[in-house]
Amino acid sequence: MLKQLTILDFSLVARLDVGFDSGLTVLTGESGAGKSILMNALALVLGQRAGADLIRPRARRAEVTAEFHLAGNRRALDYLAERELVDADHPHRCLSRRLLGRDGRSRAFVNGVPVTLQVMRELTEGLVDVHGQDENQRLTRRDVQLDLLDAYGVAAADRRDMAQAHRAWRRAQKALAALQAEQVNVDDRASLLGYQLDELRNLNLAQGEFESLQGEFRRLSQAQSIQGTVHDAIERLADLADARQAGRQLAAIDDDHPRLAGAKAALGSAVELVDDAVRDLGGYIDAFEMDADHLAQLSERLDRIHELARKHRCAPEQLAEQAQRLEREFNSLQAGRDEVQALQAEAAGHRKEFERQAGLVSRQRRQSAKRFAADVGTRINALGIKGGALHIRFEAADSERGLETLEFEVTTNPKYPAGSLAKIASGGERARINLAICVIAAQRARLPSLVLDEADVGVGGATADIVGRLLRDLGARTQVICVTHAPQVAALGDHHLVVEKDAAQDVHLRPVSGANRVEEVARMLAGADLTDETRTYARTLLAGAKEEAGGDA
């Protein structure tokens, strides 16, 4: 709960230290005494934005520090631990400190460590629930109404899991959309690659095949010329009569001179080699095929190879390698398609989990809506709106807050149908309805501290007494700090603080009890014209509160 509030050079406050206890604490004072200054100072340490105009005149800066006791508040303790903001010497204490400078700059600290306003807001939003004088207008917002119902009847863990599932789904959807946008170009490229690969696959060109085809085509296309040349060579080589005659003549010479023997052997070998060449050329001619159809096929295939080589801007002998490269690129693009499918499956999984969690939350909302409306209706009637009732109308929606939104509709006169809270209720009625809703929601929300700024505006007499009793009962479970102008509410407080200005117009705050408290309640009853009768009535109010509470008033 809130233990201490220290204010330095803030607005009309030079220095102010005020401690708070459990139960119901009431703050009273004359109009213009500075009660709103305390609310503004508290808002500062809760992370609200503020300007240099809030600094006390002639002061260099303003400073506000709030001390919270966090024992038992696991959410806040975990939040501090996750961000290494725990005070090792006082692990259950949290100091929220804010500085405002004349240059308009603001600095925030938690346990002495500089933090952002976002961190300060996230930490303190679960520590204090402030209902200011603008709360009546805020209550007409659907998001606020949904939060109030959820605080009443929906498990916080279920809402958190639902929101996390929705955020995970949105992240997956965003990643999928980005990938699909990229995939448009990828698909175009894949289509082109598929067409090119089909051409190359149909060609089915083996490594080294082009060179072999080219050699065969070159040979067959020159067949006639080759045959004529070979026949001429055979005829010329076949006429070896002179060489044979010379060989016989040399063989008849009876002389073993080495030179002669070498000449005989060389001539004999030459004749034999020429005979072998003639036989080989004859075999070549016999095996030579003059197939015009085969030549045409070779020509067509070579033309196709050259055509594809031009399209792919590579040498014909590199087409097989080009086909392998395109195959690898095509397979890598297919992996992108697989990633899209994986993301689609992931997004669908997160969406399914969100719908499951949202369905759980929806059931809790609809189950608790009737109880919430009935409890609020009871309080509305007790606060003087006879026949008043609250109705909750659901509408389909889709966000991290669930599968529905809702609107509070009220009946302030049973003769007329229910209508929007913003349109049906008058200012005074709305204030009482707001108080009833806040009390009912806070009973379930178990917030450590509930701060109400003139929640009793527009009520008095017996209704004000009921307001005070509601707040005192609530204070038995939740620390309640209430700024009030109603003496009936002030008399029912467990603690009483008076806000006042001195001759220099500086704001001060003092606790009152006993005779001083009687004087303050009497002042609230009669203003400046205090009489014995008003003091007696004040004592009666305080005595009644003391008797019911069973303690000191």
Protein backbone atom coordinates (compact mmCIF):
# COMPACT_ATOMS: atom_id res chain seq x y z
CA MET A 1 0.00 0.00 0.00
CA LEU A 2 0.95 3.69 -0.13
CA LYS A 3 2.97 4.47 3.00
CA GLN A 4 4.39 7.95 2.50
CA LEU A 5 4.12 10.91 0.13
CA THR A 6 6.83 13.58 0.16
CA ILE A 7 6.38 16.78 -1.85
CA LEU A 8 8.99 19.54 -2.37
CA ASP A 9 8.41 22.85 -4.22
CA PHE A 10 5.39 21.52 -6.06
CA SER A 11 2.74 24.12 -6.94
CA LEU A 12 1.85 25.81 -3.61
CA VAL A 13 3.62 23.23 -1.47
CA ALA A 14 7.03 24.14 -0.09
CA ARG A 15 7.51 20.85 1.74
CA LEU A 16 5.00 18.25 2.77
CA ASP A 17 5.44 14.81 4.33
CA VAL A 18 2.32 12.74 4.83
CA GLY A 19 2.02 9.15 5.97
CA PHE A 20 -0.86 6.84 5.13
CA ASP A 21 -2.20 3.77 6.93
CA SER A 22 -4.53 0.97 6.02
CA GLY A 23 -8.29 1.43 6.14
CA LEU A 24 -10.18 4.55 5.05
CA THR A 25 -8.27 7.84 5.13
CA VAL A 26 -10.30 10.99 4.48
CA LEU A 27 -8.80 14.28 3.30
CA THR A 28 -10.83 17.39 3.95
CA GLY A 29 -10.36 21.13 3.80
CA GLU A 30 -11.96 24.29 2.58
CA SER A 31 -12.48 24.82 -1.12
CA GLY A 32 -9.24 26.05 -2.67
CA ALA A 33 -7.16 24.73 0.22
CA GLY A 34 -5.07 22.58 -2.11
CA LYS A 35 -6.57 19.12 -2.04
CA SER A 36 -6.24 18.85 -5.82
CA ILE A 37 -2.53 19.63 -5.47
CA LEU A 38 -2.08 16.38 -3.55
CA MET A 39 -3.87 14.47 -6.31
CA ASN A 40 -1.66 16.09 -8.95
CA ALA A 41 1.46 15.29 -6.95
CA LEU A 42 0.41 11.66 -6.61
CA ALA A 43 -0.27 11.49 -10.36
CA LEU A 44 3.30 12.65 -10.94
CA VAL A 45 4.85 9.63 -9.18
CA LEU A 46 2.42 7.35 -11.01
CA GLY A 47 4.07 8.32 -14.30
CA GLN A 48 1.70 11.00 -15.61
CA ARG A 49 3.14 13.78 -17.76
CA ALA A 50 3.56 17.27 -16.28
CA GLY A 51 5.04 20.66 -17.18
CA ALA A 52 7.24 23.23 -15.52
CA ASP A 53 4.17 25.28 -14.51
CA LEU A 54 3.74 22.90 -11.56
CA ILE A 55 7.03 24.02 -9.98
CA ARG A 56 6.70 26.32 -6.98
CA PRO A 57 7.43 29.97 -7.86
CA ARG A 58 11.12 30.88 -7.53
CA ALA A 59 12.10 27.22 -7.03
CA ARG A 60 14.56 25.52 -9.40
CA ARG A 61 12.72 22.24 -9.51
CA ALA A 62 9.88 20.24 -7.99
CA GLU A 63 10.24 16.81 -6.42
CA VAL A 64 7.67 14.21 -5.41
CA THR A 65 8.44 10.83 -3.82
CA ALA A 66 5.98 8.07 -2.95
CA GLU A 67 6.88 5.10 -0.78
CA PHE A 68 4.98 1.86 -1.33
CA HIS A 69 5.02 -1.27 0.81
CA LEU A 70 4.94 -4.29 -1.52
CA ALA A 71 4.84 -7.29 0.83
CA GLY A 72 2.51 -9.83 -0.77
CA ASN A 73 2.33 -8.00 -4.10
CA ARG A 74 4.02 -10.64 -6.23
CA ARG A 75 3.37 -8.86 -9.54
CA ALA A 76 5.14 -5.67 -8.43
CA LEU A 77 8.00 -7.58 -6.76
CA ASP A 78 8.55 -9.66 -9.91
CA TYR A 79 8.44 -6.51 -12.05
CA LEU A 80 11.19 -4.92 -9.93
CA ALA A 81 13.27 -8.09 -9.96
CA GLU A 82 13.05 -8.51 -13.75
CA ARG A 83 14.43 -4.98 -14.21
CA GLU A 84 16.96 -5.17 -11.37
CA LEU A 85 15.21 -2.39 -9.46
CA VAL A 86 14.89 -4.17 -6.09
CA ASP A 87 16.31 -2.32 -3.06
CA ALA A 88 18.57 -4.97 -1.52
CA ASP A 89 18.37 -3.34 1.93
CA HIS A 90 14.55 -3.04 1.82
CA PRO A 91 13.29 -5.66 -0.69
CA HIS A 92 9.60 -4.97 0.06
CA ARG A 93 9.90 -1.21 -0.29
CA CYS A 94 9.48 0.76 -3.50
CA LEU A 95 10.36 4.45 -3.81
CA SER A 96 8.85 6.15 -6.85
CA ARG A 97 10.51 9.57 -7.32
CA ARG A 98 9.91 12.26 -9.90
CA LEU A 99 11.82 15.49 -10.61
CA LEU A 100 10.55 18.42 -12.70
CA GLY A 101 13.03 21.04 -13.92
CA ARG A 102 12.50 24.61 -15.08
CA ASP A 103 13.73 23.58 -18.52
CA GLY A 104 10.64 21.39 -18.84
CA ARG A 105 12.60 18.18 -18.48
CA SER A 106 11.40 15.42 -16.21
CA ARG A 107 13.32 12.59 -14.59
CA ALA A 108 11.90 9.45 -13.01
CA PHE A 109 13.53 7.08 -10.51
CA VAL A 110 12.52 3.79 -8.91
CA ASN A 111 14.54 2.88 -5.83
CA GLY A 112 17.14 5.41 -6.92
CA VAL A 113 17.57 3.97 -10.42
CA PRO A 114 16.66 6.19 -13.43
CA VAL A 115 13.73 4.75 -15.38
CA THR A 116 11.40 5.81 -18.18
CA LEU A 117 7.89 7.09 -17.51
CA GLN A 118 6.61 3.92 -19.18
CA VAL A 119 8.36 1.78 -16.57
CA MET A 120 7.05 3.99 -13.76
CA ARG A 121 3.49 3.71 -15.12
CA GLU A 122 3.67 -0.05 -15.61
CA LEU A 123 4.97 -0.54 -12.07
CA THR A 124 2.48 1.70 -10.28
CA GLU A 125 -0.64 0.83 -12.29
CA GLY A 126 -1.06 -2.23 -10.09
CA LEU A 127 -0.32 -0.32 -6.88
CA VAL A 128 -2.78 2.58 -6.93
CA ASP A 129 -6.11 3.05 -8.69
CA VAL A 130 -6.86 6.77 -8.87
CA HIS A 131 -10.40 7.96 -9.59
CA GLY A 132 -10.24 11.69 -10.15
CA GLN A 133 -12.99 14.17 -10.82
CA ASP A 134 -12.81 13.34 -14.50
CA GLU A 135 -13.55 9.68 -13.76
CA ASN A 136 -17.25 10.15 -14.47
CA GLN A 137 -16.38 10.95 -18.08
CA ARG A 138 -13.74 8.23 -18.27
CA LEU A 139 -16.27 5.67 -17.11
CA THR A 140 -18.24 6.13 -20.34
CA ARG A 141 -15.34 4.64 -22.35
CA ARG A 142 -15.89 1.06 -23.41
CA ASP A 143 -12.31 0.00 -22.72
CA VAL A 144 -12.62 1.24 -19.12
CA GLN A 145 -15.92 -0.55 -18.69
CA LEU A 146 -14.41 -3.78 -19.98
CA ASP A 147 -11.50 -3.44 -17.55
CA LEU A 148 -13.91 -2.95 -14.64
CA LEU A 149 -15.90 -6.08 -15.48
CA ASP A 150 -12.69 -8.05 -15.97
CA ALA A 151 -11.37 -6.86 -12.62
CA TYR A 152 -14.59 -8.12 -11.07
CA GLY A 153 -14.99 -11.53 -12.62
CA VAL A 154 -12.15 -12.61 -14.95
CA ALA A 155 -8.95 -14.26 -13.81
CA ALA A 156 -6.01 -11.95 -14.47
CA ALA A 157 -3.86 -14.89 -15.64
CA ASP A 158 -6.46 -15.84 -18.26
CA ARG A 159 -6.60 -12.27 -19.60
CA ARG A 160 -2.80 -12.14 -19.70
CA ASP A 161 -2.54 -15.46 -21.56
CA MET A 162 -5.23 -14.31 -24.01
CA ALA A 163 -3.43 -11.05 -24.74
CA GLN A 164 -0.09 -12.84 -25.18
CA ALA A 165 -1.64 -15.34 -27.60
CA HIS A 166 -3.18 -12.50 -29.62
CA ARG A 167 0.12 -10.60 -29.76
CA ALA A 168 1.92 -13.78 -30.85
CA TRP A 169 -0.70 -14.26 -33.59
CA ARG A 170 -0.31 -10.66 -34.76
CA ARG A 171 3.49 -11.00 -34.85
CA ALA A 172 3.20 -14.18 -36.92
CA GLN A 173 0.66 -12.51 -39.21
CA LYS A 174 2.95 -9.54 -39.71
CA ALA A 175 5.93 -11.75 -40.49
CA LEU A 176 3.78 -13.82 -42.86
CA ALA A 177 2.52 -10.73 -44.70
CA ALA A 178 6.07 -9.45 -45.14
CA LEU A 179 7.26 -12.84 -46.40
CA GLN A 180 4.31 -13.15 -48.75
CA ALA A 181 5.05 -9.69 -50.15
CA GLU A 182 8.60 -10.81 -50.85
CA GLN A 183 7.28 -14.09 -52.24
CA VAL A 184 5.46 -12.28 -55.07
CA ASN A 185 8.82 -11.50 -56.69
CA VAL A 186 10.11 -14.91 -55.69
CA ASP A 187 7.18 -16.60 -57.38
CA ASP A 188 7.82 -14.66 -60.58
CA ARG A 189 11.44 -15.76 -60.48
CA ALA A 190 10.46 -19.34 -59.69
CA SER A 191 8.05 -19.35 -62.65
CA LEU A 192 10.82 -18.20 -64.98
CA LEU A 193 13.25 -20.72 -63.54
CA GLY A 194 10.68 -23.50 -63.90
CA TYR A 195 10.21 -22.67 -67.58
CA GLN A 196 13.96 -22.50 -68.19
CA LEU A 197 14.56 -25.74 -66.33
CA ASP A 198 11.87 -27.50 -68.32
CA GLU A 199 13.66 -26.49 -71.52
CA LEU A 200 17.00 -27.69 -70.22
CA ARG A 201 15.53 -30.89 -68.81
CA ASN A 202 13.88 -31.62 -72.16
CA LEU A 203 17.20 -30.99 -73.89
CA ASN A 204 18.81 -33.47 -71.46
CA LEU A 205 22.32 -32.48 -72.47
CA ALA A 206 24.99 -34.64 -70.86
CA GLN A 207 28.37 -33.32 -69.78
CA GLY A 208 30.71 -33.43 -72.86
CA GLU A 209 27.90 -34.37 -75.23
CA PHE A 210 28.09 -31.11 -77.18
CA GLU A 211 31.74 -31.66 -78.09
CA SER A 212 30.97 -35.23 -79.23
CA LEU A 213 28.00 -34.14 -81.33
CA GLN A 214 29.96 -31.33 -82.88
CA GLY A 215 32.76 -33.70 -83.94
CA GLU A 216 30.31 -36.22 -85.43
CA PHE A 217 28.41 -33.54 -87.30
CA ARG A 218 31.60 -32.08 -88.68
CA ARG A 219 32.64 -35.53 -90.00
CA LEU A 220 29.28 -36.43 -91.53
CA SER A 221 28.72 -33.05 -93.12
CA GLN A 222 32.07 -33.46 -95.02
CA ALA A 223 31.40 -37.09 -96.05
CA GLN A 224 31.71 -36.71 -99.86
CA SER A 225 34.88 -34.69 -99.65
CA ILE A 226 36.39 -37.14 -97.19
CA GLN A 227 35.50 -40.17 -99.34
CA GLY A 228 37.04 -38.64 -102.48
CA THR A 229 40.22 -37.79 -100.66
CA VAL A 230 40.51 -41.28 -99.16
CA HIS A 231 39.87 -43.00 -102.54
CA ASP A 232 42.53 -40.84 -104.15
CA ALA A 233 44.96 -41.66 -101.38
CA ILE A 234 44.26 -45.39 -101.75
CA GLU A 235 44.85 -45.25 -105.51
CA ARG A 236 48.12 -43.41 -105.09
CA LEU A 237 49.35 -45.67 -102.30
CA ALA A 238 48.24 -48.87 -104.06
CA ASP A 239 50.64 -48.27 -107.02
CA LEU A 240 53.92 -49.59 -105.44
CA ALA A 241 55.25 -51.57 -108.46
CA ASP A 242 58.50 -49.59 -108.63
CA ALA A 243 59.08 -49.94 -104.91
CA ARG A 244 58.43 -53.68 -105.05
CA GLN A 245 60.68 -54.10 -108.13
CA ALA A 246 63.44 -52.13 -106.40
CA GLY A 247 63.10 -54.38 -103.39
CA ARG A 248 63.51 -57.53 -105.47
CA GLN A 249 66.53 -56.13 -107.22
CA LEU A 250 68.23 -55.14 -104.00
CA ALA A 251 67.51 -58.53 -102.51
CA ALA A 252 69.47 -60.16 -105.39
CA ILE A 253 72.68 -58.34 -104.40
CA ASP A 254 74.93 -60.70 -102.43
CA ASP A 255 76.59 -58.29 -100.03
CA ASP A 256 76.22 -58.07 -96.28
CA HIS A 257 77.34 -54.48 -96.01
CA PRO A 258 75.41 -52.78 -93.12
CA ARG A 259 74.26 -49.88 -95.23
CA LEU A 260 72.80 -52.17 -97.88
CA ALA A 261 71.16 -54.37 -95.24
CA GLY A 262 69.59 -51.27 -93.63
CA ALA A 263 68.26 -50.03 -96.96
CA LYS A 264 66.75 -53.46 -97.77
CA ALA A 265 65.01 -53.58 -94.35
CA ALA A 266 63.74 -49.98 -94.52
CA LEU A 267 62.32 -50.45 -98.01
CA GLY A 268 60.61 -53.68 -96.98
CA SER A 269 59.08 -51.97 -93.90
CA ALA A 270 57.93 -49.00 -95.99
CA VAL A 271 56.13 -51.25 -98.41
CA GLU A 272 54.47 -53.12 -95.54
CA LEU A 273 53.39 -49.85 -93.82
CA VAL A 274 51.90 -48.51 -97.04
CA ASP A 275 50.02 -51.77 -97.49
CA ASP A 276 48.69 -51.46 -93.93
CA ALA A 277 47.61 -47.86 -94.60
CA VAL A 278 45.79 -48.90 -97.75
CA ARG A 279 43.97 -51.69 -95.87
CA ASP A 280 42.99 -49.26 -93.03
CA LEU A 281 41.74 -46.67 -95.48
CA GLY A 282 39.71 -49.29 -97.25
CA GLY A 283 38.18 -50.36 -93.95
CA TYR A 284 37.43 -46.73 -93.09
CA ILE A 285 35.63 -46.25 -96.41
CA ASP A 286 33.71 -49.49 -95.94
CA ALA A 287 32.57 -48.40 -92.44
CA PHE A 288 31.70 -44.84 -93.42
CA GLU A 289 27.89 -44.28 -93.25
CA MET A 290 26.21 -41.71 -95.41
CA ASP A 291 22.92 -41.39 -93.33
CA ALA A 292 21.19 -38.14 -94.31
CA ASP A 293 18.47 -38.54 -91.65
CA HIS A 294 21.02 -38.94 -88.89
CA LEU A 295 22.88 -35.89 -90.13
CA ALA A 296 19.64 -33.89 -90.06
CA GLN A 297 18.98 -35.00 -86.49
CA LEU A 298 22.47 -33.97 -85.45
CA SER A 299 21.99 -30.60 -87.10
CA GLU A 300 18.64 -30.04 -85.36
CA ARG A 301 20.02 -30.96 -81.91
CA LEU A 302 23.06 -28.73 -82.34
CA ASP A 303 20.80 -25.85 -83.42
CA ARG A 304 18.69 -26.35 -80.25
CA ILE A 305 21.82 -26.39 -78.10
CA HIS A 306 23.09 -23.14 -79.66
CA GLU A 307 19.65 -21.54 -79.27
CA LEU A 308 19.48 -22.30 -75.53
CA ALA A 309 23.09 -21.21 -75.08
CA ARG A 310 22.19 -17.81 -76.55
CA LYS A 311 19.13 -17.53 -74.27
CA HIS A 312 21.21 -18.33 -71.20
CA ARG A 313 24.13 -16.24 -72.39
CA CYS A 314 26.68 -18.98 -71.97
CA ALA A 315 28.82 -21.23 -74.16
CA PRO A 316 27.06 -24.39 -75.47
CA GLU A 317 29.46 -26.62 -73.55
CA GLN A 318 28.38 -24.81 -70.29
CA LEU A 319 24.66 -25.59 -70.61
CA ALA A 320 24.82 -28.69 -68.41
CA GLU A 321 26.48 -26.68 -65.66
CA GLN A 322 23.90 -23.90 -66.15
CA ALA A 323 21.08 -26.42 -65.65
CA GLN A 324 22.62 -27.53 -62.33
CA ARG A 325 22.96 -23.93 -61.15
CA LEU A 326 19.33 -23.10 -62.00
CA GLU A 327 18.22 -26.30 -60.24
CA ARG A 328 19.97 -25.18 -57.05
CA GLU A 329 18.40 -21.71 -57.23
CA PHE A 330 14.95 -23.16 -57.88
CA ASN A 331 15.28 -25.45 -54.85
CA SER A 332 16.30 -22.50 -52.66
CA LEU A 333 13.19 -20.59 -53.79
CA GLN A 334 11.08 -23.59 -52.90
CA ALA A 335 12.48 -23.32 -49.38
CA GLY A 336 10.88 -19.83 -49.22
CA ARG A 337 7.52 -21.40 -50.06
CA ASP A 338 8.09 -23.92 -47.30
CA GLU A 339 8.79 -21.03 -44.89
CA VAL A 340 5.51 -19.37 -45.88
CA GLN A 341 3.66 -22.60 -45.17
CA ALA A 342 5.45 -22.92 -41.82
CA LEU A 343 4.50 -19.35 -40.88
CA GLN A 344 0.92 -19.96 -41.95
CA ALA A 345 0.81 -22.98 -39.69
CA GLU A 346 2.41 -21.01 -36.85
CA ALA A 347 -0.05 -18.13 -37.22
CA ALA A 348 -2.96 -20.55 -37.32
CA GLY A 349 -1.68 -22.19 -34.14
CA HIS A 350 -1.44 -18.85 -32.31
CA ARG A 351 -4.88 -17.87 -33.57
CA LYS A 352 -6.34 -21.14 -32.34
CA GLU A 353 -4.71 -20.63 -28.93
CA PHE A 354 -6.03 -17.05 -28.78
CA GLU A 355 -9.55 -18.20 -29.62
CA ARG A 356 -9.29 -20.88 -26.94
CA GLN A 357 -8.10 -18.39 -24.32
CA ALA A 358 -10.57 -15.74 -25.50
CA GLY A 359 -13.39 -18.26 -25.26
CA LEU A 360 -12.42 -18.96 -21.66
CA VAL A 361 -12.38 -15.22 -20.88
CA SER A 362 -15.69 -14.68 -22.70
CA ARG A 363 -17.40 -17.33 -20.61
CA GLN A 364 -16.12 -15.73 -17.43
CA ARG A 365 -17.26 -12.29 -18.59
CA ARG A 366 -20.77 -13.40 -19.43
CA GLN A 367 -21.07 -15.46 -16.27
CA SER A 368 -19.92 -12.57 -14.06
CA ALA A 369 -21.81 -9.81 -15.94
CA LYS A 370 -25.15 -10.59 -14.29
CA ARG A 371 -23.60 -10.71 -10.82
CA PHE A 372 -21.69 -7.50 -11.46
CA ALA A 373 -24.78 -5.69 -12.73
CA ALA A 374 -26.84 -6.95 -9.80
CA ASP A 375 -24.21 -5.89 -7.22
CA VAL A 376 -23.87 -2.47 -8.82
CA GLY A 377 -27.65 -2.13 -9.01
CA THR A 378 -27.93 -2.79 -5.29
CA ARG A 379 -25.39 -0.05 -4.57
CA ILE A 380 -27.07 2.35 -7.01
CA ASN A 381 -30.38 1.98 -5.22
CA ALA A 382 -28.68 2.39 -1.85
CA LEU A 383 -27.14 5.64 -3.13
CA GLY A 384 -30.56 7.13 -3.77
CA ILE A 385 -31.32 6.19 -7.38
CA LYS A 386 -34.48 4.23 -6.74
CA GLY A 387 -35.27 1.74 -9.45
CA GLY A 388 -31.82 2.24 -10.92
CA ALA A 389 -30.13 -0.70 -12.62
CA LEU A 390 -27.04 -1.50 -14.64
CA HIS A 391 -27.20 -3.57 -17.81
CA ILE A 392 -24.21 -4.87 -19.75
CA ARG A 393 -24.55 -5.19 -23.53
CA PHE A 394 -21.95 -7.23 -25.40
CA GLU A 395 -20.87 -6.74 -29.00
CA ALA A 396 -18.59 -8.90 -31.12
CA ALA A 397 -15.03 -7.63 -31.53
CA ASP A 398 -11.58 -9.04 -32.16
CA SER A 399 -8.54 -7.69 -30.36
CA GLU A 400 -6.03 -8.71 -27.74
CA ARG A 401 -8.74 -7.79 -25.22
CA GLY A 402 -10.91 -10.64 -26.49
CA LEU A 403 -13.76 -11.54 -28.81
CA GLU A 404 -16.14 -8.89 -27.55
CA THR A 405 -16.48 -5.38 -26.30
CA LEU A 406 -19.23 -4.13 -24.06
CA GLU A 407 -21.16 -1.06 -23.00
CA PHE A 408 -22.67 -0.18 -19.65
CA GLU A 409 -26.30 0.82 -20.02
CA VAL A 410 -28.27 2.19 -17.08
CA THR A 411 -31.83 2.60 -16.01
CA THR A 412 -32.40 5.57 -13.68
CA ASN A 413 -36.17 5.51 -14.04
CA PRO A 414 -37.97 2.18 -14.46
CA LYS A 415 -40.51 3.87 -16.75
CA TYR A 416 -37.86 4.32 -19.43
CA PRO A 417 -35.68 1.81 -21.24
CA ALA A 418 -31.98 1.41 -20.51
CA GLY A 419 -29.56 3.61 -22.38
CA SER A 420 -25.89 4.50 -22.61
CA LEU A 421 -24.36 5.70 -19.36
CA ALA A 422 -23.06 8.78 -21.16
CA LYS A 423 -26.53 9.76 -22.42
CA ILE A 424 -28.97 8.60 -19.77
CA ALA A 425 -27.44 9.57 -16.44
CA SER A 426 -27.17 13.16 -15.21
CA GLY A 427 -23.96 14.45 -13.69
CA GLY A 428 -24.99 13.67 -10.11
CA GLU A 429 -26.42 10.30 -11.03
CA ARG A 430 -23.34 9.41 -12.98
CA ALA A 431 -21.16 10.26 -9.99
CA ARG A 432 -23.12 7.87 -7.77
CA ILE A 433 -23.21 5.16 -10.41
CA ASN A 434 -19.48 5.61 -10.87
CA LEU A 435 -18.91 5.21 -7.14
CA ALA A 436 -21.05 2.08 -7.04
CA ILE A 437 -19.12 0.56 -9.94
CA CYS A 438 -15.74 1.50 -8.41
CA VAL A 439 -16.65 -0.04 -5.07
CA ILE A 440 -17.90 -3.29 -6.60
CA ALA A 441 -14.92 -3.60 -8.96
CA ALA A 442 -12.39 -2.78 -6.22
CA GLN A 443 -13.84 -5.47 -3.95
CA ARG A 444 -12.76 -8.12 -6.44
CA ALA A 445 -9.71 -6.42 -7.91
CA ARG A 446 -7.93 -6.33 -4.54
CA LEU A 447 -5.91 -3.27 -5.48
CA PRO A 448 -3.50 -2.25 -2.70
CA SER A 449 -4.70 1.38 -2.80
CA LEU A 450 -7.82 3.12 -4.09
CA VAL A 451 -7.69 6.93 -4.28
CA LEU A 452 -10.99 8.79 -4.78
CA ASP A 453 -11.16 12.50 -5.48
CA GLU A 454 -14.56 13.80 -4.36
CA ALA A 455 -16.36 10.55 -5.14
CA ASP A 456 -19.27 11.89 -3.08
CA VAL A 457 -19.82 14.97 -5.24
CA GLY A 458 -23.51 15.79 -5.61
CA VAL A 459 -24.68 13.71 -2.63
CA GLY A 460 -25.48 14.60 0.93
CA GLY A 461 -27.45 13.62 3.99
CA ALA A 462 -28.38 9.97 4.25
CA THR A 463 -26.87 9.21 0.83
CA ALA A 464 -23.54 10.67 1.90
CA ASP A 465 -23.69 8.47 4.99
CA ILE A 466 -24.20 5.42 2.76
CA VAL A 467 -21.24 6.51 0.63
CA GLY A 468 -19.08 6.75 3.73
CA ARG A 469 -20.15 3.32 4.93
CA LEU A 470 -19.41 1.82 1.52
CA LEU A 471 -15.94 3.30 1.58
CA ARG A 472 -15.29 2.24 5.16
CA ASP A 473 -16.35 -1.34 4.37
CA LEU A 474 -14.10 -1.27 1.33
CA GLY A 475 -11.27 0.04 3.51
CA ALA A 476 -11.42 -3.18 5.51
CA ARG A 477 -10.01 -4.95 2.41
CA THR A 478 -8.26 -2.19 0.48
CA GLN A 479 -6.44 0.97 1.48
CA VAL A 480 -8.84 3.79 0.56
CA ILE A 481 -7.83 7.47 0.42
CA CYS A 482 -10.77 9.77 -0.22
CA VAL A 483 -10.91 13.53 -0.77
CA THR A 484 -14.36 14.55 0.46
CA HIS A 485 -16.58 17.53 1.20
CA ALA A 486 -19.24 15.43 2.95
CA PRO A 487 -19.09 15.48 6.78
CA GLN A 488 -20.89 12.13 6.90
CA VAL A 489 -18.06 10.55 4.88
CA ALA A 490 -15.37 12.36 6.87
CA ALA A 491 -16.81 11.10 10.17
CA LEU A 492 -16.55 7.49 9.00
CA GLY A 493 -12.86 7.64 8.12
CA ASP A 494 -10.36 5.54 10.07
CA HIS A 495 -7.87 8.41 9.65
CA HIS A 496 -8.52 12.09 9.01
CA LEU A 497 -6.16 14.57 7.33
CA VAL A 498 -6.93 18.26 6.84
CA VAL A 499 -5.51 20.29 3.98
CA GLU A 500 -5.12 24.02 4.66
CA LYS A 501 -3.19 27.11 3.61
CA ASP A 502 -1.17 29.39 5.87
CA ALA A 503 -0.90 33.18 5.65
CA ALA A 504 1.72 32.85 2.91
CA GLN A 505 -0.70 30.66 0.90
CA ASP A 506 1.51 27.61 1.37
CA VAL A 507 -0.36 24.30 1.52
CA HIS A 508 -0.01 22.14 4.64
CA LEU A 509 -1.50 18.87 5.75
CA ARG A 510 -2.16 17.85 9.35
CA PRO A 511 -3.78 14.82 10.92
CA VAL A 512 -6.70 15.56 13.25
CA SER A 513 -8.32 13.57 16.02
CA GLY A 514 -10.31 14.22 19.16
CA ALA A 515 -11.47 17.83 19.57
CA ASN A 516 -9.66 18.95 16.42
CA ARG A 517 -11.53 16.40 14.38
CA VAL A 518 -14.82 17.52 15.92
CA GLU A 519 -14.01 21.10 14.84
CA GLU A 520 -13.22 20.01 11.29
CA VAL A 521 -16.41 17.96 10.92
CA ALA A 522 -18.40 20.86 12.42
CA ARG A 523 -16.80 23.23 9.89
CA MET A 524 -17.85 20.88 7.10
CA LEU A 525 -21.39 20.91 8.47
CA ALA A 526 -21.82 24.65 8.99
CA GLY A 527 -18.95 26.42 7.24
CA ALA A 528 -17.50 29.40 9.12
CA ASP A 529 -20.59 29.85 11.34
CA LEU A 530 -19.71 27.24 13.95
CA THR A 531 -22.20 26.83 16.78
CA ASP A 532 -22.55 24.50 19.70
CA GLU A 533 -25.30 22.74 17.81
CA THR A 534 -23.02 21.94 14.85
CA ARG A 535 -20.28 20.76 17.21
CA THR A 536 -22.81 18.54 18.98
CA TYR A 537 -23.94 17.10 15.65
CA ALA A 538 -20.33 16.55 14.67
CA ARG A 539 -19.72 14.65 17.91
CA THR A 540 -22.82 12.58 17.19
CA LEU A 541 -21.55 11.64 13.73
CA LEU A 542 -18.13 10.72 15.09
CA ALA A 543 -19.57 8.83 18.03
CA GLY A 544 -21.82 6.81 15.75
CA ALA A 545 -18.88 5.95 13.53
CA LYS A 546 -16.80 5.03 16.59
CA GLU A 547 -19.52 2.80 17.98
CA GLU A 548 -19.98 0.94 14.69
CA ALA A 549 -16.26 0.60 14.13
CA GLY A 550 -15.59 -0.49 17.71
CA GLY A 551 -12.58 1.83 18.03
CA ASP A 552 -11.41 5.42 18.28
CA ALA A 553 -12.85 7.97 15.91
